[in-house]
Protein backbone atom coordinates (compact mmCIF):
# COMPACT_ATOMS: atom_id res chain seq x y z
CA MET A 1 0.00 0.00 0.00
CA PRO A 2 1.39 3.44 -0.88
CA GLU A 3 2.11 5.19 2.42
CA LEU A 4 2.77 8.85 3.22
CA PRO A 5 6.30 8.95 1.74
CA GLU A 6 5.08 7.34 -1.49
CA VAL A 7 2.21 9.83 -1.72
CA GLU A 8 4.55 12.75 -0.98
CA THR A 9 6.91 11.45 -3.67
CA THR A 10 3.97 11.20 -6.08
CA LYS A 11 3.03 14.78 -5.29
CA ALA A 12 6.56 15.96 -6.13
CA SER A 13 6.59 13.92 -9.36
CA LEU A 14 3.54 15.80 -10.64
CA ALA A 15 5.44 19.11 -10.67
CA PRO A 16 6.14 18.97 -14.45
CA LEU A 17 2.38 19.14 -15.08
CA LEU A 18 1.87 22.37 -13.14
CA GLY A 19 0.59 25.14 -15.37
CA GLN A 20 -0.50 22.71 -18.07
CA GLN A 21 -3.99 22.67 -19.51
CA VAL A 22 -6.30 19.65 -19.47
CA VAL A 23 -7.47 18.96 -23.02
CA ASP A 24 -9.08 15.55 -22.61
CA VAL A 25 -10.33 13.23 -19.86
CA LYS A 26 -10.99 9.54 -20.50
CA VAL A 27 -12.60 7.30 -17.89
CA PHE A 28 -12.28 3.58 -18.60
CA GLN A 29 -13.37 2.05 -15.29
CA PRO A 30 -15.26 4.31 -12.85
CA LYS A 31 -15.81 1.62 -10.22
CA LEU A 32 -13.10 2.20 -7.61
CA ARG A 33 -13.63 2.24 -3.84
CA TRP A 34 -16.30 4.79 -4.65
CA MET A 35 -17.62 5.56 -8.11
CA MET A 36 -15.72 8.25 -9.95
CA PRO A 37 -17.85 11.32 -10.64
CA ASP A 38 -19.53 11.14 -14.03
CA ASN A 39 -18.53 14.72 -14.84
CA LEU A 40 -14.73 14.56 -14.66
CA ASP A 41 -14.67 15.82 -18.24
CA GLU A 42 -15.50 19.23 -16.77
CA LEU A 43 -11.75 19.53 -16.11
CA VAL A 44 -11.18 20.13 -19.82
CA ASN A 45 -9.92 23.71 -20.27
CA TYR A 46 -8.72 23.82 -16.68
CA THR A 47 -5.08 24.25 -15.70
CA LEU A 48 -3.36 22.28 -12.94
CA GLU A 49 -2.42 25.07 -10.54
CA SER A 50 -0.96 23.15 -7.58
CA VAL A 51 -0.84 19.79 -5.80
CA GLU A 52 -1.23 19.33 -2.06
CA ARG A 53 -1.08 16.32 0.24
CA ARG A 54 -3.19 15.70 3.34
CA ALA A 55 -2.39 12.40 5.01
CA LYS A 56 -2.41 9.88 2.13
CA TYR A 57 -4.74 11.98 -0.02
CA LEU A 58 -3.59 14.07 -2.96
CA ILE A 59 -5.47 17.28 -3.67
CA LEU A 60 -5.10 18.51 -7.24
CA ASN A 61 -6.10 22.17 -7.60
CA PHE A 62 -7.33 23.33 -10.99
CA LEU A 63 -8.17 26.81 -12.28
CA PRO A 64 -10.29 27.46 -15.38
CA VAL A 65 -8.74 28.69 -18.60
CA VAL A 66 -10.50 31.33 -20.71
CA ALA A 67 -9.79 32.76 -24.16
CA GLN A 68 -9.62 36.52 -24.39
CA ASN A 69 -10.05 38.09 -27.84
CA ASN A 70 -8.06 35.37 -29.61
CA ALA A 71 -5.17 36.02 -27.25
CA PRO A 72 -3.25 33.15 -25.61
CA MET A 73 -5.20 31.23 -23.01
CA SER A 74 -5.01 32.71 -19.53
CA VAL A 75 -5.96 31.50 -16.08
CA SER A 76 -9.06 32.91 -14.45
CA LYS A 77 -9.33 33.23 -10.68
CA VAL A 78 -12.93 32.05 -10.48
CA GLU A 79 -14.58 28.65 -10.15
CA PRO A 80 -11.61 26.50 -9.14
CA ARG A 81 -12.02 22.72 -9.00
CA GLN A 82 -10.26 20.24 -6.72
CA LEU A 83 -9.73 16.53 -7.22
CA LEU A 84 -9.29 14.39 -4.13
CA ILE A 85 -7.25 11.27 -4.93
CA HIS A 86 -6.37 8.29 -2.75
CA LEU A 87 -4.09 5.60 -4.18
CA GLY A 88 -5.65 2.79 -2.15
CA MET A 89 -3.75 -0.50 -1.98
CA SER A 90 -2.14 -0.56 -5.40
CA GLY A 91 -2.82 2.74 -7.15
CA SER A 92 -0.33 5.07 -8.79
CA LEU A 93 -0.30 8.14 -11.00
CA GLN A 94 2.02 7.71 -13.96
CA GLN A 95 2.97 10.20 -16.64
CA HIS A 96 3.36 8.94 -20.23
CA SER A 97 4.02 10.44 -23.62
CA TYR A 98 1.01 11.41 -25.69
CA GLY A 99 -0.48 8.50 -27.61
CA THR A 100 0.60 5.82 -25.13
CA ASP A 101 -1.92 2.98 -25.15
CA LYS A 102 -3.86 2.33 -21.96
CA ARG A 103 -2.96 -0.76 -19.99
CA LYS A 104 -5.38 -3.24 -18.48
CA HIS A 105 -5.57 -1.45 -15.13
CA ASP A 106 -5.47 2.15 -16.35
CA HIS A 107 -8.84 3.46 -15.19
CA LEU A 108 -8.40 7.16 -15.95
CA VAL A 109 -6.27 9.05 -18.46
CA VAL A 110 -5.98 12.83 -18.36
CA VAL A 111 -4.35 14.51 -21.36
CA PHE A 112 -2.38 17.71 -20.68
CA ASN A 113 -1.07 20.33 -23.08
CA ASP A 114 1.89 22.53 -22.14
CA THR A 115 2.70 26.06 -23.27
CA ALA A 116 4.72 24.67 -26.19
CA ASN A 117 1.63 22.78 -27.34
CA LYS A 118 3.21 19.44 -26.41
CA LYS A 119 0.79 16.88 -25.03
CA SER A 120 1.34 14.26 -22.32
CA GLN A 121 -0.86 11.78 -20.47
CA LEU A 122 -1.40 11.16 -16.77
CA HIS A 123 -2.68 7.63 -16.10
CA TYR A 124 -4.34 6.45 -12.90
CA TYR A 125 -3.29 2.79 -12.60
CA ASP A 126 -4.87 0.59 -9.92
CA PRO A 127 -5.07 -3.22 -10.26
CA ARG A 128 -7.02 -3.74 -7.03
CA ARG A 129 -9.28 -0.68 -7.45
CA PHE A 130 -9.28 0.29 -3.76
CA GLY A 131 -8.30 3.86 -4.55
CA SER A 132 -10.62 6.80 -5.12
CA ILE A 133 -10.94 9.85 -7.36
CA LEU A 134 -13.54 12.31 -6.12
CA TRP A 135 -14.45 15.99 -6.16
CA HIS A 136 -13.07 17.59 -3.01
CA GLU A 137 -16.21 19.69 -2.61
CA ASP A 138 -18.31 16.52 -2.26
CA TYR A 139 -16.11 14.39 0.00
CA GLY A 140 -13.38 16.60 1.48
CA ASN A 141 -15.05 17.28 4.81
CA LYS A 142 -16.10 13.67 5.31
CA LEU A 143 -12.68 12.20 4.54
CA LEU A 144 -10.30 14.83 5.92
CA ASP A 145 -11.84 16.68 8.86
CA HIS A 146 -11.31 13.92 11.44
CA LEU A 147 -7.62 13.40 10.68
CA GLY A 148 -4.85 14.04 13.18
CA PRO A 149 -1.78 16.23 12.64
CA GLU A 150 0.79 15.68 9.92
CA PRO A 151 3.78 13.77 11.38
CA LEU A 152 6.35 16.21 9.96
CA SER A 153 4.48 19.29 11.11
CA LYS A 154 5.15 21.36 14.22
CA ASP A 155 1.83 20.11 15.63
CA PHE A 156 3.10 16.55 16.05
CA THR A 157 5.32 16.75 19.12
CA ALA A 158 6.24 14.53 22.03
CA ASP A 159 4.13 16.73 24.31
CA TYR A 160 1.14 16.25 22.02
CA LEU A 161 1.47 12.46 21.84
CA TYR A 162 2.27 11.98 25.53
CA SER A 163 -0.62 14.18 26.68
CA LEU A 164 -3.01 12.42 24.30
CA ILE A 165 -1.99 8.99 25.61
CA GLN A 166 -2.12 10.05 29.26
CA ARG A 167 -5.25 12.19 28.72
CA ILE A 168 -3.53 15.28 30.06
CA ASP A 169 -5.22 18.62 29.36
CA LEU A 170 -2.37 20.79 28.07
CA SER A 171 -4.48 23.96 28.16
CA SER A 172 -4.81 23.72 31.94
CA GLN A 173 -1.04 23.30 32.25
CA ASP A 174 -0.56 26.50 30.27
CA GLY A 175 -2.69 28.35 32.80
CA ASN A 176 -5.72 28.51 30.53
CA GLU A 177 -8.77 27.52 32.53
CA SER A 178 -11.70 26.03 30.68
CA SER A 179 -15.05 24.86 31.96
CA SER A 180 -16.15 23.33 28.66
CA ASP A 181 -17.75 19.91 28.65
CA ASP A 182 -14.96 18.64 26.39
CA THR A 183 -12.30 19.62 28.91
CA LYS A 184 -14.18 18.04 31.82
CA THR A 185 -14.68 14.84 29.85
CA ASN A 186 -11.00 14.72 28.86
CA LYS A 187 -9.92 14.92 32.51
CA ARG A 188 -12.11 11.94 33.40
CA LEU A 189 -10.88 9.72 30.56
CA LYS A 190 -8.45 6.94 31.40
CA PRO A 191 -5.03 6.79 29.73
CA ILE A 192 -4.76 4.85 26.49
CA THR A 193 -3.70 1.28 27.16
CA ARG A 194 -3.73 -0.02 23.58
CA ALA A 195 -0.47 -1.21 22.02
CA ILE A 196 1.71 1.74 21.12
CA LYS A 197 2.09 0.54 17.54
CA SER A 198 -1.68 0.53 17.08
CA VAL A 199 -1.91 4.03 18.57
CA ILE A 200 0.66 5.67 16.28
CA MET A 201 -1.01 4.03 13.26
CA GLU A 202 -4.41 5.57 14.07
CA GLN A 203 -5.18 8.38 11.61
CA GLU A 204 -7.01 10.36 14.29
CA VAL A 205 -3.80 10.42 16.36
CA VAL A 206 -1.28 11.18 13.61
CA VAL A 207 -1.63 10.65 9.88
CA GLY A 208 0.57 8.65 7.57
CA VAL A 209 2.52 6.42 9.97
CA GLY A 210 1.85 3.15 8.16
CA ASN A 211 2.96 -0.35 9.07
CA ILE A 212 6.45 -0.11 7.59
CA TYR A 213 7.30 3.20 9.22
CA ALA A 214 5.71 2.37 12.58
CA THR A 215 7.65 -0.93 12.71
CA GLU A 216 10.95 0.73 11.87
CA SER A 217 10.43 3.68 14.25
CA LEU A 218 9.65 1.40 17.19
CA TYR A 219 12.74 -0.71 16.48
CA LEU A 220 15.03 2.32 16.42
CA SER A 221 13.38 3.54 19.65
CA GLY A 222 13.89 0.21 21.44
CA ILE A 223 10.17 -0.11 22.11
CA HIS A 224 8.24 -3.38 21.82
CA PRO A 225 5.28 -2.82 19.47
CA ALA A 226 2.82 -4.39 21.95
CA THR A 227 3.81 -2.12 24.85
CA PRO A 228 0.70 -0.50 26.36
CA ALA A 229 0.92 3.14 25.29
CA ASN A 230 0.35 4.51 28.80
CA GLN A 231 3.40 2.63 30.11
CA LEU A 232 5.81 4.68 28.02
CA SER A 233 7.65 7.48 29.76
CA ARG A 234 7.81 10.99 28.38
CA ASP A 235 11.47 10.40 27.45
CA GLN A 236 10.52 7.30 25.47
CA ILE A 237 7.82 9.26 23.66
CA VAL A 238 10.38 11.97 22.80
CA ILE A 239 12.65 9.32 21.26
CA LEU A 240 9.77 7.69 19.37
CA VAL A 241 8.45 10.95 17.89
CA ASN A 242 11.96 11.90 16.77
CA HIS A 243 12.44 8.54 15.05
CA ILE A 244 9.05 8.74 13.34
CA LYS A 245 10.02 12.09 11.85
CA GLU A 246 13.51 10.90 10.88
CA ILE A 247 12.23 7.69 9.26
CA LEU A 248 9.60 9.51 7.21
CA LYS A 249 12.07 12.19 6.09
CA LYS A 250 14.52 9.50 5.03
CA ALA A 251 11.83 7.56 3.17
CA ILE A 252 10.68 10.68 1.30
CA LYS A 253 14.28 11.46 0.35
CA LEU A 254 14.68 7.93 -1.02
CA GLY A 255 11.41 8.09 -2.93
CA GLY A 256 9.42 5.81 -0.62
CA SER A 257 9.48 2.03 -0.56
CA THR A 258 9.48 -0.15 -3.63
CA LEU A 259 6.31 -2.15 -3.03
CA ARG A 260 5.31 -4.49 -5.86
CA ASP A 261 4.42 -2.35 -8.85
CA PHE A 262 4.24 1.06 -7.17
CA THR A 263 5.78 3.84 -9.24
CA VAL A 264 5.32 7.59 -9.30
CA ALA A 265 4.36 9.83 -12.21
CA SER A 266 7.91 9.91 -13.55
CA GLY A 267 8.08 6.11 -13.58
CA GLN A 268 10.67 5.95 -10.79
CA THR A 269 10.42 3.59 -7.83
CA GLY A 270 11.51 4.12 -4.23
CA TYR A 271 14.58 2.73 -2.51
CA PHE A 272 13.72 2.98 1.19
CA GLN A 273 12.92 -0.73 1.41
CA GLN A 274 16.59 -1.45 0.82
CA THR A 275 17.36 0.17 4.20
CA LEU A 276 14.77 -1.65 6.34
CA ASN A 277 15.98 -2.95 9.70
CA VAL A 278 13.13 -5.24 10.71
CA TYR A 279 10.04 -4.90 8.52
CA GLY A 280 9.57 -8.03 6.40
CA ARG A 281 12.63 -9.70 7.97
CA GLN A 282 11.01 -12.08 10.48
CA GLY A 283 13.22 -15.12 11.06
CA GLU A 284 16.35 -13.25 10.05
CA SER A 285 19.03 -11.90 12.38
CA CYS A 286 18.82 -8.47 14.00
CA LEU A 287 21.32 -6.18 12.33
CA HIS A 288 22.35 -4.84 15.75
CA CYS A 289 22.56 -7.88 18.05
CA SER A 290 22.07 -10.92 15.75
CA THR A 291 19.01 -12.11 17.72
CA THR A 292 16.40 -13.80 15.51
CA LEU A 293 13.63 -11.35 14.66
CA GLU A 294 10.12 -12.38 15.66
CA ASN A 295 6.67 -11.47 14.38
CA ILE A 296 3.39 -10.87 16.20
CA LYS A 297 -0.01 -9.74 14.98
CA LEU A 298 -1.43 -6.44 16.23
CA THR A 299 -4.86 -5.41 14.97
CA GLY A 300 -4.35 -7.82 12.09
CA ARG A 301 -1.01 -6.36 10.99
CA ALA A 302 2.38 -8.06 11.03
CA SER A 303 4.70 -6.54 13.62
CA VAL A 304 8.30 -7.66 13.34
CA TYR A 305 10.58 -6.84 16.26
CA CYS A 306 13.80 -7.84 17.98
CA PRO A 307 13.06 -9.50 21.36
CA ASN A 308 16.46 -8.40 22.64
CA CYS A 309 16.51 -4.79 21.45
CA GLN A 310 12.78 -4.31 22.05
CA PRO A 311 11.93 -6.23 25.23
CA LEU A 312 8.36 -6.23 26.48
CA LYS A 313 8.64 -4.95 30.04
């Protein structure tokens, strides 16, 4: 499954299409996780203005193009459109030269035209069809509003994660008194006792820390993945948050992980998987202490760990 680094890499790979005009939209298979809108062809004569990422969603921002007295096409500032794209389990956005034939699992092809009148094609490829392509205006609030902070943002800190796990009201510590029902309820809640790996993979807690990156971060932090979250000290949380940020930055730099047939728009694949310490290596030796790596299941996901470097206390 494409994780946050793969999606961030995909976002960067779309940069060559910025400022280009959509001249054709071809839908071959609209049945993804949700049905594609039946009016995607309305993007014709729109220009791709920018690309954003929120969690594992890509947001493609388009502005309309208008002709003015036979002058070159120019971008209008009214009626923008936004596509909300999720790559699902096996999806990818791939850029091809104009005239490239569609493959079996190409479900959408968008044709772009640059300022030199050279065309190119952006293909949405998804063998398992668990991805989604939707109008942001229809689904943005439903799919994005409940999400936690971005892991590389200033909002994701050790104080944030520790206080969330221990149910500590940070506003009261800052001297800000509140009598709201939410604050009173928060003070009565018990600390989170679920496995720490499950907690950091919850999108409401922090977005984009998928199985690979959670597994690797916990290994580097010396924390057993099944450790009850509330048993971790503040110092351990500081170490964990730092490793989460470092692992994700490294993965983005290396273009993400090469997972099966995942590629980005430029056709490149990632190389982070070549640096994995424990993920996918159950039964092999720990690179640090040579202990045989073991695997347990947490919320249905494989969790490889070193019993020596990550003891369950």
